[in-house]
Amino acid sequence: MAGGVCRVLQIQLGAERVADAGDLLGRATLGWRSGMSEVEAWEAGRGVWKFNADRALSQDEVQIINTSGTVLAVAKITGISKHGDRYALEGELLLGDPRVGRPTPSPHLSRNPVTYI
């Protein structure tokens, strides 16, 4: 953290849907559903996205949120993996983070699913 300020990459998930047969991370579904675990939210939200790799790597952590602004998972960013012209985050899931299940303090104002706070 630079000067005590936590730089956050925020990813907003829409409603759960069936993944394409060729999902680059091998997932059967994408998106958010009620009752999903932090691990499931992390797997759904960590990729694959179009974003600036250098900017993503300069962030301290990622918050996965739903469209209502509820935090589903928080992870420390440790790297990225490239999948064609898109990227997936690599990280250390912060299981039991007190922000999970609460409204994000930084509402997602972007039309894009990925934003920087």
PDB file of N, CA and C in Angstrom:
ATOM      1  N   MET A   1       0.832  -1.179   0.000  1.00  0.00           N
ATOM      2  CA  MET A   1       0.000   0.000   0.000  1.00  0.00           C
ATOM      3  C   MET A   1       0.873   1.237   0.000  1.00  0.00           C
ATOM      4  N   ALA A   2       0.557   2.148  -0.888  1.00  0.00           N
ATOM      5  CA  ALA A   2       1.330   3.382  -0.999  1.00  0.00           C
ATOM      6  C   ALA A   2       0.778   4.407  -0.024  1.00  0.00           C
ATOM      7  N   GLY A   3       1.574   4.777   0.984  1.00  0.00           N
ATOM      8  CA  GLY A   3       1.159   5.811   1.917  1.00  0.00           C
ATOM      9  C   GLY A   3      -0.086   5.472   2.699  1.00  0.00           C
ATOM     10  N   GLY A   4      -0.352   4.185   2.940  1.00  0.00           N
ATOM     11  CA  GLY A   4      -1.510   3.770   3.703  1.00  0.00           C
ATOM     12  C   GLY A   4      -2.792   3.717   2.894  1.00  0.00           C
ATOM     13  N   VAL A   5      -2.741   4.038   1.613  1.00  0.00           N
ATOM     14  CA  VAL A   5      -3.917   3.998   0.758  1.00  0.00           C
ATOM     15  C   VAL A   5      -3.935   2.671   0.010  1.00  0.00           C
ATOM     16  N   CYS A   6      -5.025   1.952   0.120  1.00  0.00           N
ATOM     17  CA  CYS A   6      -5.162   0.672  -0.566  1.00  0.00           C
ATOM     18  C   CYS A   6      -5.734   0.914  -1.968  1.00  0.00           C
ATOM     19  N   ARG A   7      -4.981   0.499  -2.971  1.00  0.00           N
ATOM     20  CA  ARG A   7      -5.443   0.626  -4.360  1.00  0.00           C
ATOM     21  C   ARG A   7      -6.210  -0.629  -4.713  1.00  0.00           C
ATOM     22  N   VAL A   8      -7.449  -0.449  -5.183  1.00  0.00           N
ATOM     23  CA  VAL A   8      -8.361  -1.573  -5.374  1.00  0.00           C
ATOM     24  C   VAL A   8      -8.841  -1.650  -6.816  1.00  0.00           C
ATOM     25  N   LEU A   9      -8.774  -2.843  -7.356  1.00  0.00           N
ATOM     26  CA  LEU A   9      -9.407  -3.184  -8.627  1.00  0.00           C
ATOM     27  C   LEU A   9     -10.748  -3.787  -8.239  1.00  0.00           C
ATOM     28  N   GLN A  10     -11.820  -3.261  -8.798  1.00  0.00           N
ATOM     29  CA  GLN A  10     -13.144  -3.762  -8.449  1.00  0.00           C
ATOM     30  C   GLN A  10     -13.767  -4.404  -9.683  1.00  0.00           C
ATOM     31  N   ILE A  11     -14.296  -5.606  -9.500  1.00  0.00           N
ATOM     32  CA  ILE A  11     -14.942  -6.331 -10.596  1.00  0.00           C
ATOM     33  C   ILE A  11     -16.385  -6.606 -10.189  1.00  0.00           C
ATOM     34  N   GLN A  12     -17.290  -6.161 -11.046  1.00  0.00           N
ATOM     35  CA  GLN A  12     -18.719  -6.338 -10.785  1.00  0.00           C
ATOM     36  C   GLN A  12     -19.243  -7.503 -11.618  1.00  0.00           C
ATOM     37  N   LEU A  13     -19.892  -8.453 -10.946  1.00  0.00           N
ATOM     38  CA  LEU A  13     -20.461  -9.613 -11.619  1.00  0.00           C
ATOM     39  C   LEU A  13     -21.954  -9.454 -11.816  1.00  0.00           C
ATOM     40  N   GLY A  14     -22.398  -9.787 -13.006  1.00  0.00           N
ATOM     41  CA  GLY A  14     -23.825  -9.835 -13.287  1.00  0.00           C
ATOM     42  C   GLY A  14     -24.403 -11.174 -12.859  1.00  0.00           C
ATOM     43  N   ALA A  15     -25.637 -11.419 -13.234  1.00  0.00           N
ATOM     44  CA  ALA A  15     -26.325 -12.655 -12.863  1.00  0.00           C
ATOM     45  C   ALA A  15     -25.623 -13.880 -13.455  1.00  0.00           C
ATOM     46  N   GLU A  16     -25.678 -14.972 -12.722  1.00  0.00           N
ATOM     47  CA  GLU A  16     -25.036 -16.209 -13.168  1.00  0.00           C
ATOM     48  C   GLU A  16     -25.650 -16.698 -14.480  1.00  0.00           C
ATOM     49  N   ARG A  17     -24.774 -17.210 -15.335  1.00  0.00           N
ATOM     50  CA  ARG A  17     -25.191 -17.756 -16.626  1.00  0.00           C
ATOM     51  C   ARG A  17     -24.235 -18.885 -16.999  1.00  0.00           C
ATOM     52  N   VAL A  18     -24.636 -19.708 -17.933  1.00  0.00           N
ATOM     53  CA  VAL A  18     -23.797 -20.806 -18.397  1.00  0.00           C
ATOM     54  C   VAL A  18     -22.626 -20.230 -19.189  1.00  0.00           C
ATOM     55  N   ALA A  19     -21.431 -20.741 -18.906  1.00  0.00           N
ATOM     56  CA  ALA A  19     -20.228 -20.301 -19.621  1.00  0.00           C
ATOM     57  C   ALA A  19     -20.187 -20.928 -21.008  1.00  0.00           C
ATOM     58  N   ASP A  20     -19.514 -20.252 -21.927  1.00  0.00           N
ATOM     59  CA  ASP A  20     -19.289 -20.827 -23.252  1.00  0.00           C
ATOM     60  C   ASP A  20     -18.490 -22.114 -23.097  1.00  0.00           C
ATOM     61  N   ALA A  21     -18.653 -23.019 -24.032  1.00  0.00           N
ATOM     62  CA  ALA A  21     -17.942 -24.304 -23.989  1.00  0.00           C
ATOM     63  C   ALA A  21     -16.429 -24.109 -23.917  1.00  0.00           C
ATOM     64  N   GLY A  22     -15.923 -23.051 -24.508  1.00  0.00           N
ATOM     65  CA  GLY A  22     -14.483 -22.815 -24.531  1.00  0.00           C
ATOM     66  C   GLY A  22     -14.007 -21.836 -23.483  1.00  0.00           C
ATOM     67  N   ASP A  23     -14.673 -21.758 -22.305  1.00  0.00           N
ATOM     68  CA  ASP A  23     -14.244 -20.817 -21.274  1.00  0.00           C
ATOM     69  C   ASP A  23     -12.767 -21.032 -20.976  1.00  0.00           C
ATOM     70  N   LEU A  24     -11.995 -19.963 -21.037  1.00  0.00           N
ATOM     71  CA  LEU A  24     -10.541 -20.051 -20.916  1.00  0.00           C
ATOM     72  C   LEU A  24     -10.056 -20.485 -19.529  1.00  0.00           C
ATOM     73  N   LEU A  25     -10.937 -20.412 -18.524  1.00  0.00           N
ATOM     74  CA  LEU A  25     -10.566 -20.878 -17.189  1.00  0.00           C
ATOM     75  C   LEU A  25     -11.266 -22.189 -16.835  1.00  0.00           C
ATOM     76  N   GLY A  26     -11.973 -22.772 -17.804  1.00  0.00           N
ATOM     77  CA  GLY A  26     -12.618 -24.066 -17.599  1.00  0.00           C
ATOM     78  C   GLY A  26     -13.835 -24.035 -16.691  1.00  0.00           C
ATOM     79  N   ARG A  27     -14.479 -22.874 -16.581  1.00  0.00           N
ATOM     80  CA  ARG A  27     -15.637 -22.742 -15.699  1.00  0.00           C
ATOM     81  C   ARG A  27     -16.917 -23.184 -16.392  1.00  0.00           C
ATOM     82  N   ALA A  28     -17.852 -23.743 -15.624  1.00  0.00           N
ATOM     83  CA  ALA A  28     -19.147 -24.143 -16.156  1.00  0.00           C
ATOM     84  C   ALA A  28     -20.130 -22.975 -16.159  1.00  0.00           C
ATOM     85  N   THR A  29     -19.977 -22.066 -15.195  1.00  0.00           N
ATOM     86  CA  THR A  29     -20.852 -20.894 -15.106  1.00  0.00           C
ATOM     87  C   THR A  29     -20.019 -19.641 -14.884  1.00  0.00           C
ATOM     88  N   LEU A  30     -20.629 -18.509 -15.206  1.00  0.00           N
ATOM     89  CA  LEU A  30     -20.023 -17.196 -14.994  1.00  0.00           C
ATOM     90  C   LEU A  30     -21.039 -16.351 -14.232  1.00  0.00           C
ATOM     91  N   GLY A  31     -20.560 -15.371 -13.493  1.00  0.00           N
ATOM     92  CA  GLY A  31     -21.466 -14.452 -12.825  1.00  0.00           C
ATOM     93  C   GLY A  31     -21.757 -14.840 -11.390  1.00  0.00           C
ATOM     94  N   TRP A  32     -22.732 -14.157 -10.828  1.00  0.00           N
ATOM     95  CA  TRP A  32     -23.064 -14.234  -9.411  1.00  0.00           C
ATOM     96  C   TRP A  32     -24.428 -14.855  -9.203  1.00  0.00           C
ATOM     97  N   ARG A  33     -24.538 -15.625  -8.106  1.00  0.00           N
ATOM     98  CA  ARG A  33     -25.837 -16.149  -7.661  1.00  0.00           C
ATOM     99  C   ARG A  33     -25.885 -16.068  -6.149  1.00  0.00           C
ATOM    100  N   SER A  34     -27.050 -15.930  -5.627  1.00  0.00           N
ATOM    101  CA  SER A  34     -27.242 -15.861  -4.185  1.00  0.00           C
ATOM    102  C   SER A  34     -26.700 -17.129  -3.527  1.00  0.00           C
ATOM    103  N   GLY A  35     -26.011 -16.957  -2.414  1.00  0.00           N
ATOM    104  CA  GLY A  35     -25.518 -18.104  -1.660  1.00  0.00           C
ATOM    105  C   GLY A  35     -24.170 -18.647  -2.092  1.00  0.00           C
ATOM    106  N   MET A  36     -23.555 -18.039  -3.103  1.00  0.00           N
ATOM    107  CA  MET A  36     -22.253 -18.572  -3.522  1.00  0.00           C
ATOM    108  C   MET A  36     -21.192 -18.263  -2.470  1.00  0.00           C
ATOM    109  N   SER A  37     -20.203 -19.149  -2.384  1.00  0.00           N
ATOM    110  CA  SER A  37     -19.127 -18.983  -1.406  1.00  0.00           C
ATOM    111  C   SER A  37     -18.113 -17.949  -1.897  1.00  0.00           C
ATOM    112  N   GLU A  38     -17.227 -17.527  -1.011  1.00  0.00           N
ATOM    113  CA  GLU A  38     -16.149 -16.610  -1.392  1.00  0.00           C
ATOM    114  C   GLU A  38     -15.265 -17.247  -2.458  1.00  0.00           C
ATOM    115  N   VAL A  39     -14.988 -18.530  -2.326  1.00  0.00           N
ATOM    116  CA  VAL A  39     -14.159 -19.242  -3.309  1.00  0.00           C
ATOM    117  C   VAL A  39     -14.848 -19.235  -4.675  1.00  0.00           C
ATOM    118  N   GLU A  40     -16.142 -19.517  -4.705  1.00  0.00           N
ATOM    119  CA  GLU A  40     -16.886 -19.503  -5.965  1.00  0.00           C
ATOM    120  C   GLU A  40     -16.910 -18.100  -6.572  1.00  0.00           C
ATOM    121  N   ALA A  41     -17.084 -17.076  -5.739  1.00  0.00           N
ATOM    122  CA  ALA A  41     -17.094 -15.693  -6.233  1.00  0.00           C
ATOM    123  C   ALA A  41     -15.729 -15.327  -6.814  1.00  0.00           C
ATOM    124  N   TRP A  42     -14.656 -15.735  -6.153  1.00  0.00           N
ATOM    125  CA  TRP A  42     -13.308 -15.468  -6.661  1.00  0.00           C
ATOM    126  C   TRP A  42     -13.104 -16.143  -8.016  1.00  0.00           C
ATOM    127  N   GLU A  43     -13.482 -17.405  -8.136  1.00  0.00           N
ATOM    128  CA  GLU A  43     -13.310 -18.109  -9.411  1.00  0.00           C
ATOM    129  C   GLU A  43     -14.158 -17.482 -10.513  1.00  0.00           C
ATOM    130  N   ALA A  44     -15.349 -17.027 -10.173  1.00  0.00           N
ATOM    131  CA  ALA A  44     -16.219 -16.387 -11.169  1.00  0.00           C
ATOM    132  C   ALA A  44     -15.698 -15.020 -11.576  1.00  0.00           C
ATOM    133  N   GLY A  45     -15.077 -14.310 -10.632  1.00  0.00           N
ATOM    134  CA  GLY A  45     -14.722 -12.923 -10.882  1.00  0.00           C
ATOM    135  C   GLY A  45     -13.295 -12.635 -11.292  1.00  0.00           C
ATOM    136  N   ARG A  46     -12.392 -13.581 -11.139  1.00  0.00           N
ATOM    137  CA  ARG A  46     -10.972 -13.275 -11.366  1.00  0.00           C
ATOM    138  C   ARG A  46     -10.609 -13.163 -12.840  1.00  0.00           C
ATOM    139  N   GLY A  47     -11.444 -13.595 -13.728  1.00  0.00           N
ATOM    140  CA  GLY A  47     -11.132 -13.478 -15.145  1.00  0.00           C
ATOM    141  C   GLY A  47     -12.267 -14.009 -15.985  1.00  0.00           C
ATOM    142  N   VAL A  48     -12.167 -13.972 -17.232  1.00  0.00           N
ATOM    143  CA  VAL A  48     -11.150 -13.288 -18.026  1.00  0.00           C
ATOM    144  C   VAL A  48     -11.710 -11.966 -18.507  1.00  0.00           C
ATOM    145  N   TRP A  49     -10.880 -10.922 -18.399  1.00  0.00           N
ATOM    146  CA  TRP A  49     -11.327  -9.554 -18.649  1.00  0.00           C
ATOM    147  C   TRP A  49     -10.355  -8.826 -19.571  1.00  0.00           C
ATOM    148  N   LYS A  50     -10.852  -7.770 -20.187  1.00  0.00           N
ATOM    149  CA  LYS A  50      -9.981  -6.829 -20.891  1.00  0.00           C
ATOM    150  C   LYS A  50      -9.658  -5.730 -19.886  1.00  0.00           C
ATOM    151  N   PHE A  51      -8.390  -5.588 -19.561  1.00  0.00           N
ATOM    152  CA  PHE A  51      -7.954  -4.493 -18.701  1.00  0.00           C
ATOM    153  C   PHE A  51      -6.491  -4.210 -18.963  1.00  0.00           C
ATOM    154  N   ASN A  52      -6.023  -3.090 -18.442  1.00  0.00           N
ATOM    155  CA  ASN A  52      -4.627  -2.695 -18.574  1.00  0.00           C
ATOM    156  C   ASN A  52      -3.823  -3.515 -17.569  1.00  0.00           C
ATOM    157  N   ALA A  53      -2.984  -4.421 -18.069  1.00  0.00           N
ATOM    158  CA  ALA A  53      -2.245  -5.339 -17.196  1.00  0.00           C
ATOM    159  C   ALA A  53      -1.360  -4.598 -16.201  1.00  0.00           C
ATOM    160  N   ASP A  54      -0.632  -3.594 -16.659  1.00  0.00           N
ATOM    161  CA  ASP A  54       0.244  -2.844 -15.755  1.00  0.00           C
ATOM    162  C   ASP A  54      -0.559  -2.150 -14.665  1.00  0.00           C
ATOM    163  N   ARG A  55      -1.680  -1.576 -15.039  1.00  0.00           N
ATOM    164  CA  ARG A  55      -2.505  -0.881 -14.045  1.00  0.00           C
ATOM    165  C   ARG A  55      -3.095  -1.877 -13.049  1.00  0.00           C
ATOM    166  N   ALA A  56      -3.541  -3.020 -13.528  1.00  0.00           N
ATOM    167  CA  ALA A  56      -4.089  -4.038 -12.633  1.00  0.00           C
ATOM    168  C   ALA A  56      -3.032  -4.510 -11.639  1.00  0.00           C
ATOM    169  N   LEU A  57      -1.812  -4.706 -12.124  1.00  0.00           N
ATOM    170  CA  LEU A  57      -0.734  -5.172 -11.251  1.00  0.00           C
ATOM    171  C   LEU A  57      -0.308  -4.119 -10.232  1.00  0.00           C
ATOM    172  N   SER A  58      -0.626  -2.852 -10.498  1.00  0.00           N
ATOM    173  CA  SER A  58      -0.264  -1.797  -9.549  1.00  0.00           C
ATOM    174  C   SER A  58      -1.289  -1.663  -8.416  1.00  0.00           C
ATOM    175  N   GLN A  59      -2.374  -2.418  -8.504  1.00  0.00           N
ATOM    176  CA  GLN A  59      -3.392  -2.391  -7.449  1.00  0.00           C
ATOM    177  C   GLN A  59      -2.991  -3.368  -6.345  1.00  0.00           C
ATOM    178  N   ASP A  60      -3.417  -3.092  -5.122  1.00  0.00           N
ATOM    179  CA  ASP A  60      -3.094  -3.947  -3.984  1.00  0.00           C
ATOM    180  C   ASP A  60      -4.014  -5.160  -3.891  1.00  0.00           C
ATOM    181  N   GLU A  61      -5.292  -4.936  -4.172  1.00  0.00           N
ATOM    182  CA  GLU A  61      -6.247  -6.026  -4.029  1.00  0.00           C
ATOM    183  C   GLU A  61      -7.400  -5.867  -5.010  1.00  0.00           C
ATOM    184  N   VAL A  62      -8.205  -6.920  -5.070  1.00  0.00           N
ATOM    185  CA  VAL A  62      -9.389  -6.920  -5.914  1.00  0.00           C
ATOM    186  C   VAL A  62     -10.598  -7.219  -5.040  1.00  0.00           C
ATOM    187  N   GLN A  63     -11.681  -6.494  -5.297  1.00  0.00           N
ATOM    188  CA  GLN A  63     -12.971  -6.771  -4.674  1.00  0.00           C
ATOM    189  C   GLN A  63     -13.892  -7.273  -5.766  1.00  0.00           C
ATOM    190  N   ILE A  64     -14.493  -8.427  -5.521  1.00  0.00           N
ATOM    191  CA  ILE A  64     -15.524  -8.942  -6.421  1.00  0.00           C
ATOM    192  C   ILE A  64     -16.849  -8.538  -5.791  1.00  0.00           C
ATOM    193  N   ILE A  65     -17.690  -7.824  -6.558  1.00  0.00           N
ATOM    194  CA  ILE A  65     -18.982  -7.373  -6.039  1.00  0.00           C
ATOM    195  C   ILE A  65     -20.093  -7.812  -6.987  1.00  0.00           C
ATOM    196  N   ASN A  66     -21.333  -7.791  -6.487  1.00  0.00           N
ATOM    197  CA  ASN A  66     -22.469  -8.046  -7.365  1.00  0.00           C
ATOM    198  C   ASN A  66     -23.078  -6.708  -7.800  1.00  0.00           C
ATOM    199  N   THR A  67     -24.107  -6.763  -8.628  1.00  0.00           N
ATOM    200  CA  THR A  67     -24.689  -5.529  -9.167  1.00  0.00           C
ATOM    201  C   THR A  67     -25.412  -4.711  -8.104  1.00  0.00           C
ATOM    202  N   SER A  68     -25.674  -5.291  -6.942  1.00  0.00           N
ATOM    203  CA  SER A  68     -26.264  -4.539  -5.837  1.00  0.00           C
ATOM    204  C   SER A  68     -25.204  -3.844  -4.995  1.00  0.00           C
ATOM    205  N   GLY A  69     -23.905  -4.105  -5.298  1.00  0.00           N
ATOM    206  CA  GLY A  69     -22.815  -3.470  -4.570  1.00  0.00           C
ATOM    207  C   GLY A  69     -22.355  -4.221  -3.336  1.00  0.00           C
ATOM    208  N   THR A  70     -22.786  -5.466  -3.187  1.00  0.00           N
ATOM    209  CA  THR A  70     -22.357  -6.285  -2.054  1.00  0.00           C
ATOM    210  C   THR A  70     -21.019  -6.942  -2.379  1.00  0.00           C
ATOM    211  N   VAL A  71     -20.079  -6.871  -1.452  1.00  0.00           N
ATOM    212  CA  VAL A  71     -18.767  -7.497  -1.636  1.00  0.00           C
ATOM    213  C   VAL A  71     -18.927  -9.010  -1.478  1.00  0.00           C
ATOM    214  N   LEU A  72     -18.488  -9.750  -2.503  1.00  0.00           N
ATOM    215  CA  LEU A  72     -18.594 -11.205  -2.515  1.00  0.00           C
ATOM    216  C   LEU A  72     -17.283 -11.889  -2.135  1.00  0.00           C
ATOM    217  N   ALA A  73     -16.163 -11.248  -2.475  1.00  0.00           N
ATOM    218  CA  ALA A  73     -14.837 -11.807  -2.192  1.00  0.00           C
ATOM    219  C   ALA A  73     -13.810 -10.693  -2.283  1.00  0.00           C
ATOM    220  N   VAL A  74     -12.714 -10.861  -1.535  1.00  0.00           N
ATOM    221  CA  VAL A  74     -11.592  -9.925  -1.561  1.00  0.00           C
ATOM    222  C   VAL A  74     -10.323 -10.761  -1.682  1.00  0.00           C
ATOM    223  N   ALA A  75      -9.414 -10.328  -2.542  1.00  0.00           N
ATOM    224  CA  ALA A  75      -8.147 -11.049  -2.712  1.00  0.00           C
ATOM    225  C   ALA A  75      -6.995 -10.075  -2.886  1.00  0.00           C
ATOM    226  N   LYS A  76      -5.835 -10.490  -2.427  1.00  0.00           N
ATOM    227  CA  LYS A  76      -4.597  -9.758  -2.682  1.00  0.00           C
ATOM    228  C   LYS A  76      -4.132 -10.164  -4.076  1.00  0.00           C
ATOM    229  N   ILE A  77      -3.834  -9.193  -4.922  1.00  0.00           N
ATOM    230  CA  ILE A  77      -3.389  -9.482  -6.289  1.00  0.00           C
ATOM    231  C   ILE A  77      -1.914  -9.871  -6.254  1.00  0.00           C
ATOM    232  N   THR A  78      -1.611 -11.052  -6.806  1.00  0.00           N
ATOM    233  CA  THR A  78      -0.220 -11.524  -6.849  1.00  0.00           C
ATOM    234  C   THR A  78       0.316 -11.625  -8.268  1.00  0.00           C
ATOM    235  N   GLY A  79      -0.564 -11.522  -9.269  1.00  0.00           N
ATOM    236  CA  GLY A  79      -0.119 -11.604 -10.658  1.00  0.00           C
ATOM    237  C   GLY A  79      -1.307 -11.667 -11.595  1.00  0.00           C
ATOM    238  N   ILE A  80      -1.009 -11.845 -12.867  1.00  0.00           N
ATOM    239  CA  ILE A  80      -2.046 -12.011 -13.879  1.00  0.00           C
ATOM    240  C   ILE A  80      -1.600 -13.104 -14.838  1.00  0.00           C
ATOM    241  N   SER A  81      -2.561 -13.687 -15.537  1.00  0.00           N
ATOM    242  CA  SER A  81      -2.245 -14.632 -16.607  1.00  0.00           C
ATOM    243  C   SER A  81      -2.949 -14.140 -17.869  1.00  0.00           C
ATOM    244  N   LYS A  82      -2.281 -14.333 -18.996  1.00  0.00           N
ATOM    245  CA  LYS A  82      -2.796 -13.840 -20.280  1.00  0.00           C
ATOM    246  C   LYS A  82      -3.565 -14.952 -20.972  1.00  0.00           C
ATOM    247  N   HIS A  83      -4.718 -14.599 -21.517  1.00  0.00           N
ATOM    248  CA  HIS A  83      -5.589 -15.534 -22.239  1.00  0.00           C
ATOM    249  C   HIS A  83      -6.045 -14.836 -23.514  1.00  0.00           C
ATOM    250  N   GLY A  84      -5.247 -14.967 -24.576  1.00  0.00           N
ATOM    251  CA  GLY A  84      -5.536 -14.236 -25.812  1.00  0.00           C
ATOM    252  C   GLY A  84      -5.350 -12.754 -25.565  1.00  0.00           C
ATOM    253  N   ASP A  85      -6.394 -11.962 -25.852  1.00  0.00           N
ATOM    254  CA  ASP A  85      -6.316 -10.515 -25.625  1.00  0.00           C
ATOM    255  C   ASP A  85      -6.927 -10.118 -24.282  1.00  0.00           C
ATOM    256  N   ARG A  86      -7.116 -11.088 -23.417  1.00  0.00           N
ATOM    257  CA  ARG A  86      -7.727 -10.853 -22.106  1.00  0.00           C
ATOM    258  C   ARG A  86      -6.822 -11.394 -21.002  1.00  0.00           C
ATOM    259  N   TYR A  87      -7.182 -11.057 -19.761  1.00  0.00           N
ATOM    260  CA  TYR A  87      -6.367 -11.446 -18.615  1.00  0.00           C
ATOM    261  C   TYR A  87      -7.229 -12.023 -17.501  1.00  0.00           C
ATOM    262  N   ALA A  88      -6.597 -12.843 -16.682  1.00  0.00           N
ATOM    263  CA  ALA A  88      -7.198 -13.334 -15.440  1.00  0.00           C
ATOM    264  C   ALA A  88      -6.274 -12.935 -14.301  1.00  0.00           C
ATOM    265  N   LEU A  89      -6.869 -12.599 -13.186  1.00  0.00           N
ATOM    266  CA  LEU A  89      -6.094 -12.246 -12.005  1.00  0.00           C
ATOM    267  C   LEU A  89      -5.630 -13.504 -11.284  1.00  0.00           C
ATOM    268  N   GLU A  90      -4.461 -13.426 -10.724  1.00  0.00           N
ATOM    269  CA  GLU A  90      -3.950 -14.442  -9.815  1.00  0.00           C
ATOM    270  C   GLU A  90      -3.892 -13.760  -8.460  1.00  0.00           C
ATOM    271  N   GLY A  91      -4.191 -14.490  -7.401  1.00  0.00           N
ATOM    272  CA  GLY A  91      -4.171 -13.833  -6.110  1.00  0.00           C
ATOM    273  C   GLY A  91      -4.371 -14.752  -4.944  1.00  0.00           C
ATOM    274  N   GLU A  92      -4.305 -14.143  -3.785  1.00  0.00           N
ATOM    275  CA  GLU A  92      -4.495 -14.836  -2.515  1.00  0.00           C
ATOM    276  C   GLU A  92      -5.834 -14.395  -1.955  1.00  0.00           C
ATOM    277  N   LEU A  93      -6.811 -15.302  -1.979  1.00  0.00           N
ATOM    278  CA  LEU A  93      -8.141 -15.005  -1.481  1.00  0.00           C
ATOM    279  C   LEU A  93      -8.071 -14.735   0.020  1.00  0.00           C
ATOM    280  N   LEU A  94      -8.650 -13.630   0.454  1.00  0.00           N
ATOM    281  CA  LEU A  94      -8.650 -13.254   1.871  1.00  0.00           C
ATOM    282  C   LEU A  94      -9.942 -13.774   2.507  1.00  0.00           C
ATOM    283  N   LEU A  95      -9.982 -15.094   2.721  1.00  0.00           N
ATOM    284  CA  LEU A  95     -11.178 -15.738   3.274  1.00  0.00           C
ATOM    285  C   LEU A  95     -11.561 -15.118   4.604  1.00  0.00           C
ATOM    286  N   GLY A  96     -12.855 -14.852   4.761  1.00  0.00           N
ATOM    287  CA  GLY A  96     -13.349 -14.299   6.009  1.00  0.00           C
ATOM    288  C   GLY A  96     -13.109 -12.808   6.177  1.00  0.00           C
ATOM    289  N   ASP A  97     -12.707 -12.131   5.099  1.00  0.00           N
ATOM    290  CA  ASP A  97     -12.499 -10.683   5.179  1.00  0.00           C
ATOM    291  C   ASP A  97     -13.797 -10.038   5.675  1.00  0.00           C
ATOM    292  N   PRO A  98     -13.712  -9.108   6.622  1.00  0.00           N
ATOM    293  CA  PRO A  98     -14.928  -8.508   7.192  1.00  0.00           C
ATOM    294  C   PRO A  98     -15.764  -7.699   6.197  1.00  0.00           C
ATOM    295  N   ARG A  99     -15.202  -7.363   5.039  1.00  0.00           N
ATOM    296  CA  ARG A  99     -15.975  -6.615   4.032  1.00  0.00           C
ATOM    297  C   ARG A  99     -16.952  -7.501   3.274  1.00  0.00           C
ATOM    298  N   VAL A 100     -16.696  -8.815   3.262  1.00  0.00           N
ATOM    299  CA  VAL A 100     -17.557  -9.739   2.519  1.00  0.00           C
ATOM    300  C   VAL A 100     -18.952  -9.753   3.141  1.00  0.00           C
ATOM    301  N   GLY A 101     -19.957  -9.653   2.266  1.00  0.00           N
ATOM    302  CA  GLY A 101     -21.352  -9.639   2.709  1.00  0.00           C
ATOM    303  C   GLY A 101     -21.875  -8.255   3.026  1.00  0.00           C
ATOM    304  N   ARG A 102     -20.998  -7.257   2.941  1.00  0.00           N
ATOM    305  CA  ARG A 102     -21.385  -5.870   3.232  1.00  0.00           C
ATOM    306  C   ARG A 102     -21.378  -5.046   1.943  1.00  0.00           C
ATOM    307  N   PRO A 103     -22.081  -3.920   1.953  1.00  0.00           N
ATOM    308  CA  PRO A 103     -22.018  -3.032   0.784  1.00  0.00           C
ATOM    309  C   PRO A 103     -20.597  -2.492   0.611  1.00  0.00           C
ATOM    310  N   THR A 104     -20.165  -2.373  -0.627  1.00  0.00           N
ATOM    311  CA  THR A 104     -18.852  -1.786  -0.883  1.00  0.00           C
ATOM    312  C   THR A 104     -18.874  -0.316  -0.495  1.00  0.00           C
ATOM    313  N   PRO A 105     -17.801   0.182   0.109  1.00  0.00           N
ATOM    314  CA  PRO A 105     -17.744   1.608   0.423  1.00  0.00           C
ATOM    315  C   PRO A 105     -17.485   2.454  -0.824  1.00  0.00           C
ATOM    316  N   SER A 106     -17.170   1.812  -1.941  1.00  0.00           N
ATOM    317  CA  SER A 106     -16.871   2.505  -3.198  1.00  0.00           C
ATOM    318  C   SER A 106     -17.817   2.017  -4.283  1.00  0.00           C
ATOM    319  N   PRO A 107     -18.983   2.659  -4.420  1.00  0.00           N
ATOM    320  CA  PRO A 107     -19.947   2.205  -5.427  1.00  0.00           C
ATOM    321  C   PRO A 107     -19.323   2.120  -6.818  1.00  0.00           C
ATOM    322  N   HIS A 108     -19.730   1.126  -7.563  1.00  0.00           N
ATOM    323  CA  HIS A 108     -19.225   0.863  -8.912  1.00  0.00           C
ATOM    324  C   HIS A 108     -19.991   1.762  -9.882  1.00  0.00           C
ATOM    325  N   LEU A 109     -19.351   2.819 -10.350  1.00  0.00           N
ATOM    326  CA  LEU A 109     -20.028   3.804 -11.191  1.00  0.00           C
ATOM    327  C   LEU A 109     -19.777   3.597 -12.679  1.00  0.00           C
ATOM    328  N   SER A 110     -18.884   2.683 -13.026  1.00  0.00           N
ATOM    329  CA  SER A 110     -18.522   2.449 -14.422  1.00  0.00           C
ATOM    330  C   SER A 110     -19.527   1.531 -15.106  1.00  0.00           C
ATOM    331  N   ARG A 111     -19.700   1.721 -16.410  1.00  0.00           N
ATOM    332  CA  ARG A 111     -20.500   0.788 -17.212  1.00  0.00           C
ATOM    333  C   ARG A 111     -19.750  -0.517 -17.407  1.00  0.00           C
ATOM    334  N   ASN A 112     -18.431  -0.459 -17.330  1.00  0.00           N
ATOM    335  CA  ASN A 112     -17.595  -1.645 -17.514  1.00  0.00           C
ATOM    336  C   ASN A 112     -17.558  -2.456 -16.233  1.00  0.00           C
ATOM    337  N   PRO A 113     -17.391  -3.776 -16.339  1.00  0.00           N
ATOM    338  CA  PRO A 113     -17.341  -4.595 -15.130  1.00  0.00           C
ATOM    339  C   PRO A 113     -16.076  -4.387 -14.304  1.00  0.00           C
ATOM    340  N   VAL A 114     -15.006  -3.863 -14.917  1.00  0.00           N
ATOM    341  CA  VAL A 114     -13.739  -3.652 -14.218  1.00  0.00           C
ATOM    342  C   VAL A 114     -13.509  -2.162 -14.021  1.00  0.00           C
ATOM    343  N   THR A 115     -13.211  -1.765 -12.777  1.00  0.00           N
ATOM    344  CA  THR A 115     -12.897  -0.371 -12.491  1.00  0.00           C
ATOM    345  C   THR A 115     -11.811  -0.310 -11.419  1.00  0.00           C
ATOM    346  N   TYR A 116     -11.155   0.824 -11.332  1.00  0.00           N
ATOM    347  CA  TYR A 116     -10.065   1.033 -10.384  1.00  0.00           C
ATOM    348  C   TYR A 116     -10.495   2.074  -9.361  1.00  0.00           C
ATOM    349  N   ILE A 117     -10.205   1.800  -8.089  1.00  0.00           N
ATOM    350  CA  ILE A 117     -10.609   2.707  -7.010  1.00  0.00           C
ATOM    351  C   ILE A 117      -9.359   3.246  -6.346  1.00  0.00           C
TER     352      ILE A 117
END
